[in-house]
Amino acid sequence: MDYCLIPCLRNLHDMSILTPFKRASGLGSTSDGVKHWWMQRMTAVALVPLSLWVAFAIASHAGEDYTTVAAWFAQPFTTTMLILFVFTAFLHASQGLTVVIEDYVHHDGVKVTALVGVKLVLVLLDQQRLEHFTYRICRLIEGANNQCPTIKSNTIPMTWLS
């Protein structure tokens, strides 16, 4: 039987003298989520034309010889578009994985470790991809001179660009 002699004690755990603002204070910023949400939407919108360009550009060069593809990679427009695609894709992945971890991982220690791990992996992958891409472009430009730095170094000096 759901009868209580003192009705006010039944809902005692629901009653609080704290205002909603006081209960929410200390739980984080209220303005950071909007910026994050907009940035994720902007990177998603930017990835649509960039992905289409990459797909059609690679498909249009299928079956061509190495020198033709190498000349295409060496063009400034192609280099710029590919760098934009890589950076935008990694930024979008970072934002998406951050949201998934923040929403679905509830243990604070695991959450922080996962967030740091995801950021570290994405930064290392992005740096490796950029170094590899820069090395390939350098090899195309320098040719037989072979003055390009090795990929194994942590940073690639960009002196060959000037």
C-alpha atoms as a PDB file:
ATOM      1  CA  MET A   1       0.000   0.000   0.000  1.00  0.00           C
ATOM      2  CA  ASP A   2       1.372   3.370  -0.998  1.00  0.00           C
ATOM      3  CA  TYR A   3       0.114   5.309   1.976  1.00  0.00           C
ATOM      4  CA  CYS A   4       2.381   7.458   4.089  1.00  0.00           C
ATOM      5  CA  LEU A   5       1.424   8.814   7.474  1.00  0.00           C
ATOM      6  CA  ILE A   6       3.511  11.911   6.925  1.00  0.00           C
ATOM      7  CA  PRO A   7       3.159  12.910   3.252  1.00  0.00           C
ATOM      8  CA  CYS A   8       6.019  15.411   3.282  1.00  0.00           C
ATOM      9  CA  LEU A   9       8.594  12.725   4.162  1.00  0.00           C
ATOM     10  CA  ARG A  10       7.803  10.716   1.038  1.00  0.00           C
ATOM     11  CA  ASN A  11       9.319  13.359  -1.240  1.00  0.00           C
ATOM     12  CA  LEU A  12      11.970  14.595   1.149  1.00  0.00           C
ATOM     13  CA  HIS A  13      14.802  13.562  -1.168  1.00  0.00           C
ATOM     14  CA  ASP A  14      13.274  15.646  -3.992  1.00  0.00           C
ATOM     15  CA  MET A  15      13.115  18.799  -1.913  1.00  0.00           C
ATOM     16  CA  SER A  16      16.095  21.099  -1.795  1.00  0.00           C
ATOM     17  CA  ILE A  17      16.762  24.633  -0.717  1.00  0.00           C
ATOM     18  CA  LEU A  18      19.387  25.045  -3.455  1.00  0.00           C
ATOM     19  CA  THR A  19      18.463  27.030  -6.536  1.00  0.00           C
ATOM     20  CA  PRO A  20      19.054  25.471  -9.957  1.00  0.00           C
ATOM     21  CA  PHE A  21      21.943  27.916 -10.516  1.00  0.00           C
ATOM     22  CA  LYS A  22      23.615  26.864  -7.277  1.00  0.00           C
ATOM     23  CA  ARG A  23      23.242  23.159  -8.145  1.00  0.00           C
ATOM     24  CA  ALA A  24      24.823  23.756 -11.572  1.00  0.00           C
ATOM     25  CA  SER A  25      27.671  25.996 -10.440  1.00  0.00           C
ATOM     26  CA  GLY A  26      31.050  24.347 -10.454  1.00  0.00           C
ATOM     27  CA  LEU A  27      30.060  21.827 -13.109  1.00  0.00           C
ATOM     28  CA  GLY A  28      31.895  23.619 -15.929  1.00  0.00           C
ATOM     29  CA  SER A  29      31.500  26.472 -18.321  1.00  0.00           C
ATOM     30  CA  THR A  30      28.182  27.003 -20.027  1.00  0.00           C
ATOM     31  CA  SER A  31      29.591  28.833 -23.030  1.00  0.00           C
ATOM     32  CA  ASP A  32      32.264  26.382 -24.203  1.00  0.00           C
ATOM     33  CA  GLY A  33      29.814  23.825 -25.592  1.00  0.00           C
ATOM     34  CA  VAL A  34      28.313  26.200 -28.120  1.00  0.00           C
ATOM     35  CA  LYS A  35      31.725  27.013 -29.605  1.00  0.00           C
ATOM     36  CA  HIS A  36      32.600  23.321 -29.741  1.00  0.00           C
ATOM     37  CA  TRP A  37      29.265  22.487 -31.383  1.00  0.00           C
ATOM     38  CA  TRP A  38      29.722  25.196 -34.044  1.00  0.00           C
ATOM     39  CA  MET A  39      33.315  24.175 -34.751  1.00  0.00           C
ATOM     40  CA  GLN A  40      32.261  20.582 -35.273  1.00  0.00           C
ATOM     41  CA  ARG A  41      29.514  21.665 -37.682  1.00  0.00           C
ATOM     42  CA  MET A  42      31.893  23.975 -39.536  1.00  0.00           C
ATOM     43  CA  THR A  43      34.499  21.238 -39.990  1.00  0.00           C
ATOM     44  CA  ALA A  44      31.763  18.853 -41.165  1.00  0.00           C
ATOM     45  CA  VAL A  45      30.573  21.387 -43.744  1.00  0.00           C
ATOM     46  CA  ALA A  46      34.165  22.055 -44.851  1.00  0.00           C
ATOM     47  CA  LEU A  47      34.828  18.333 -45.229  1.00  0.00           C
ATOM     48  CA  VAL A  48      32.025  17.870 -47.761  1.00  0.00           C
ATOM     49  CA  PRO A  49      33.647  19.781 -50.649  1.00  0.00           C
ATOM     50  CA  LEU A  50      37.165  18.792 -49.576  1.00  0.00           C
ATOM     51  CA  SER A  51      36.256  15.082 -49.525  1.00  0.00           C
ATOM     52  CA  LEU A  52      34.534  15.328 -52.886  1.00  0.00           C
ATOM     53  CA  TRP A  53      37.565  17.112 -54.334  1.00  0.00           C
ATOM     54  CA  VAL A  54      39.970  14.474 -52.972  1.00  0.00           C
ATOM     55  CA  ALA A  55      37.804  11.605 -54.237  1.00  0.00           C
ATOM     56  CA  PHE A  56      37.368  13.029 -57.738  1.00  0.00           C
ATOM     57  CA  ALA A  57      40.989  14.194 -57.981  1.00  0.00           C
ATOM     58  CA  ILE A  58      42.357  10.782 -57.047  1.00  0.00           C
ATOM     59  CA  ALA A  59      39.871   9.010 -59.333  1.00  0.00           C
ATOM     60  CA  SER A  60      40.790  11.269 -62.235  1.00  0.00           C
ATOM     61  CA  HIS A  61      44.479  10.359 -61.855  1.00  0.00           C
ATOM     62  CA  ALA A  62      43.904   6.615 -61.599  1.00  0.00           C
ATOM     63  CA  GLY A  63      46.019   4.712 -64.093  1.00  0.00           C
ATOM     64  CA  GLU A  64      48.319   7.619 -64.931  1.00  0.00           C
ATOM     65  CA  ASP A  65      52.072   7.278 -64.780  1.00  0.00           C
ATOM     66  CA  TYR A  66      54.201   8.358 -61.820  1.00  0.00           C
ATOM     67  CA  THR A  67      55.549  11.563 -63.377  1.00  0.00           C
ATOM     68  CA  THR A  68      52.072  12.883 -64.147  1.00  0.00           C
ATOM     69  CA  VAL A  69      50.817  12.194 -60.631  1.00  0.00           C
ATOM     70  CA  ALA A  70      54.026  13.630 -59.143  1.00  0.00           C
ATOM     71  CA  ALA A  71      53.599  16.814 -61.185  1.00  0.00           C
ATOM     72  CA  TRP A  72      49.993  17.045 -60.005  1.00  0.00           C
ATOM     73  CA  PHE A  73      51.075  16.686 -56.348  1.00  0.00           C
ATOM     74  CA  ALA A  74      53.681  19.419 -56.818  1.00  0.00           C
ATOM     75  CA  GLN A  75      51.100  22.019 -57.860  1.00  0.00           C
ATOM     76  CA  PRO A  76      50.439  24.621 -55.122  1.00  0.00           C
ATOM     77  CA  PHE A  77      46.638  24.293 -55.391  1.00  0.00           C
ATOM     78  CA  THR A  78      46.788  20.515 -54.953  1.00  0.00           C
ATOM     79  CA  THR A  79      49.176  20.803 -52.013  1.00  0.00           C
ATOM     80  CA  THR A  80      46.982  23.407 -50.327  1.00  0.00           C
ATOM     81  CA  MET A  81      43.805  21.396 -50.804  1.00  0.00           C
ATOM     82  CA  LEU A  82      45.361  18.194 -49.473  1.00  0.00           C
ATOM     83  CA  ILE A  83      46.779  19.959 -46.409  1.00  0.00           C
ATOM     84  CA  LEU A  84      43.373  21.563 -45.759  1.00  0.00           C
ATOM     85  CA  PHE A  85      41.713  18.163 -46.094  1.00  0.00           C
ATOM     86  CA  VAL A  86      44.117  16.445 -43.674  1.00  0.00           C
ATOM     87  CA  PHE A  87      43.957  19.187 -41.027  1.00  0.00           C
ATOM     88  CA  THR A  88      40.174  19.528 -41.254  1.00  0.00           C
ATOM     89  CA  ALA A  89      39.657  15.766 -41.079  1.00  0.00           C
ATOM     90  CA  PHE A  90      41.871  15.417 -38.010  1.00  0.00           C
ATOM     91  CA  LEU A  91      40.273  18.424 -36.298  1.00  0.00           C
ATOM     92  CA  HIS A  92      36.803  17.004 -36.956  1.00  0.00           C
ATOM     93  CA  ALA A  93      37.877  13.576 -35.674  1.00  0.00           C
ATOM     94  CA  SER A  94      39.342  15.125 -32.546  1.00  0.00           C
ATOM     95  CA  GLN A  95      36.168  17.075 -31.815  1.00  0.00           C
ATOM     96  CA  GLY A  96      33.912  14.093 -32.444  1.00  0.00           C
ATOM     97  CA  LEU A  97      35.933  11.694 -30.319  1.00  0.00           C
ATOM     98  CA  THR A  98      36.104  14.278 -27.528  1.00  0.00           C
ATOM     99  CA  VAL A  99      32.315  14.551 -27.460  1.00  0.00           C
ATOM    100  CA  VAL A 100      31.879  10.768 -27.448  1.00  0.00           C
ATOM    101  CA  ILE A 101      34.352  10.335 -24.580  1.00  0.00           C
ATOM    102  CA  GLU A 102      32.891  13.203 -22.552  1.00  0.00           C
ATOM    103  CA  ASP A 103      29.340  11.908 -22.990  1.00  0.00           C
ATOM    104  CA  TYR A 104      29.800   8.166 -22.547  1.00  0.00           C
ATOM    105  CA  VAL A 105      32.814   7.683 -20.263  1.00  0.00           C
ATOM    106  CA  HIS A 106      31.676   8.351 -16.712  1.00  0.00           C
ATOM    107  CA  HIS A 107      34.756   7.590 -14.611  1.00  0.00           C
ATOM    108  CA  ASP A 108      36.825  10.782 -14.328  1.00  0.00           C
ATOM    109  CA  GLY A 109      40.223   9.082 -14.388  1.00  0.00           C
ATOM    110  CA  VAL A 110      39.395   7.004 -17.448  1.00  0.00           C
ATOM    111  CA  LYS A 111      37.826  10.043 -19.123  1.00  0.00           C
ATOM    112  CA  VAL A 112      40.914  12.223 -18.673  1.00  0.00           C
ATOM    113  CA  THR A 113      43.226   9.418 -19.767  1.00  0.00           C
ATOM    114  CA  ALA A 114      41.118   8.721 -22.858  1.00  0.00           C
ATOM    115  CA  LEU A 115      40.927  12.419 -23.799  1.00  0.00           C
ATOM    116  CA  VAL A 116      44.689  12.876 -23.448  1.00  0.00           C
ATOM    117  CA  GLY A 117      45.336   9.633 -25.334  1.00  0.00           C
ATOM    118  CA  VAL A 118      43.045  10.562 -28.231  1.00  0.00           C
ATOM    119  CA  LYS A 119      44.599  14.028 -28.538  1.00  0.00           C
ATOM    120  CA  LEU A 120      48.109  12.571 -28.423  1.00  0.00           C
ATOM    121  CA  VAL A 121      47.384   9.900 -31.037  1.00  0.00           C
ATOM    122  CA  LEU A 122      45.710  12.381 -33.391  1.00  0.00           C
ATOM    123  CA  VAL A 123      48.519  14.924 -33.051  1.00  0.00           C
ATOM    124  CA  LEU A 124      51.145  12.246 -33.709  1.00  0.00           C
ATOM    125  CA  LEU A 125      49.235  10.891 -36.711  1.00  0.00           C
ATOM    126  CA  ASP A 126      48.700  14.389 -38.063  1.00  0.00           C
ATOM    127  CA  GLN A 127      52.374  15.283 -37.609  1.00  0.00           C
ATOM    128  CA  GLN A 128      53.493  12.035 -39.215  1.00  0.00           C
ATOM    129  CA  ARG A 129      51.127  12.522 -42.154  1.00  0.00           C
ATOM    130  CA  LEU A 130      52.293  16.118 -42.657  1.00  0.00           C
ATOM    131  CA  GLU A 131      55.967  15.117 -42.417  1.00  0.00           C
ATOM    132  CA  HIS A 132      55.464  12.318 -44.931  1.00  0.00           C
ATOM    133  CA  PHE A 133      53.536  14.603 -47.282  1.00  0.00           C
ATOM    134  CA  THR A 134      56.173  17.355 -46.953  1.00  0.00           C
ATOM    135  CA  TYR A 135      58.958  14.855 -47.582  1.00  0.00           C
ATOM    136  CA  ARG A 136      57.260  13.576 -50.740  1.00  0.00           C
ATOM    137  CA  ILE A 137      56.769  17.091 -52.092  1.00  0.00           C
ATOM    138  CA  CYS A 138      60.399  17.907 -51.280  1.00  0.00           C
ATOM    139  CA  ARG A 139      61.577  14.811 -53.149  1.00  0.00           C
ATOM    140  CA  LEU A 140      59.524  15.854 -56.151  1.00  0.00           C
ATOM    141  CA  ILE A 141      60.935  19.375 -56.114  1.00  0.00           C
ATOM    142  CA  GLU A 142      64.556  18.541 -55.294  1.00  0.00           C
ATOM    143  CA  GLY A 143      64.784  15.483 -57.521  1.00  0.00           C
ATOM    144  CA  ALA A 144      68.369  14.232 -57.855  1.00  0.00           C
ATOM    145  CA  ASN A 145      69.821  16.888 -55.535  1.00  0.00           C
ATOM    146  CA  ASN A 146      68.563  14.833 -52.573  1.00  0.00           C
ATOM    147  CA  GLN A 147      68.701  17.683 -50.065  1.00  0.00           C
ATOM    148  CA  CYS A 148      65.483  16.648 -48.384  1.00  0.00           C
ATOM    149  CA  PRO A 149      65.518  15.844 -44.669  1.00  0.00           C
ATOM    150  CA  THR A 150      64.712  12.320 -43.582  1.00  0.00           C
ATOM    151  CA  ILE A 151      61.260  11.368 -42.331  1.00  0.00           C
ATOM    152  CA  LYS A 152      62.740   9.898 -39.136  1.00  0.00           C
ATOM    153  CA  SER A 153      63.493  13.346 -37.710  1.00  0.00           C
ATOM    154  CA  ASN A 154      61.020  14.921 -35.287  1.00  0.00           C
ATOM    155  CA  THR A 155      60.821  18.138 -37.256  1.00  0.00           C
ATOM    156  CA  ILE A 156      61.475  18.785 -40.904  1.00  0.00           C
ATOM    157  CA  PRO A 157      63.143  22.126 -41.650  1.00  0.00           C
ATOM    158  CA  MET A 158      61.240  23.985 -44.312  1.00  0.00           C
ATOM    159  CA  THR A 159      64.302  25.741 -45.786  1.00  0.00           C
ATOM    160  CA  TRP A 160      63.830  24.039 -49.143  1.00  0.00           C
ATOM    161  CA  LEU A 161      60.549  25.935 -49.599  1.00  0.00           C
ATOM    162  CA  SER A 162      62.257  29.327 -49.773  1.00  0.00           C
END
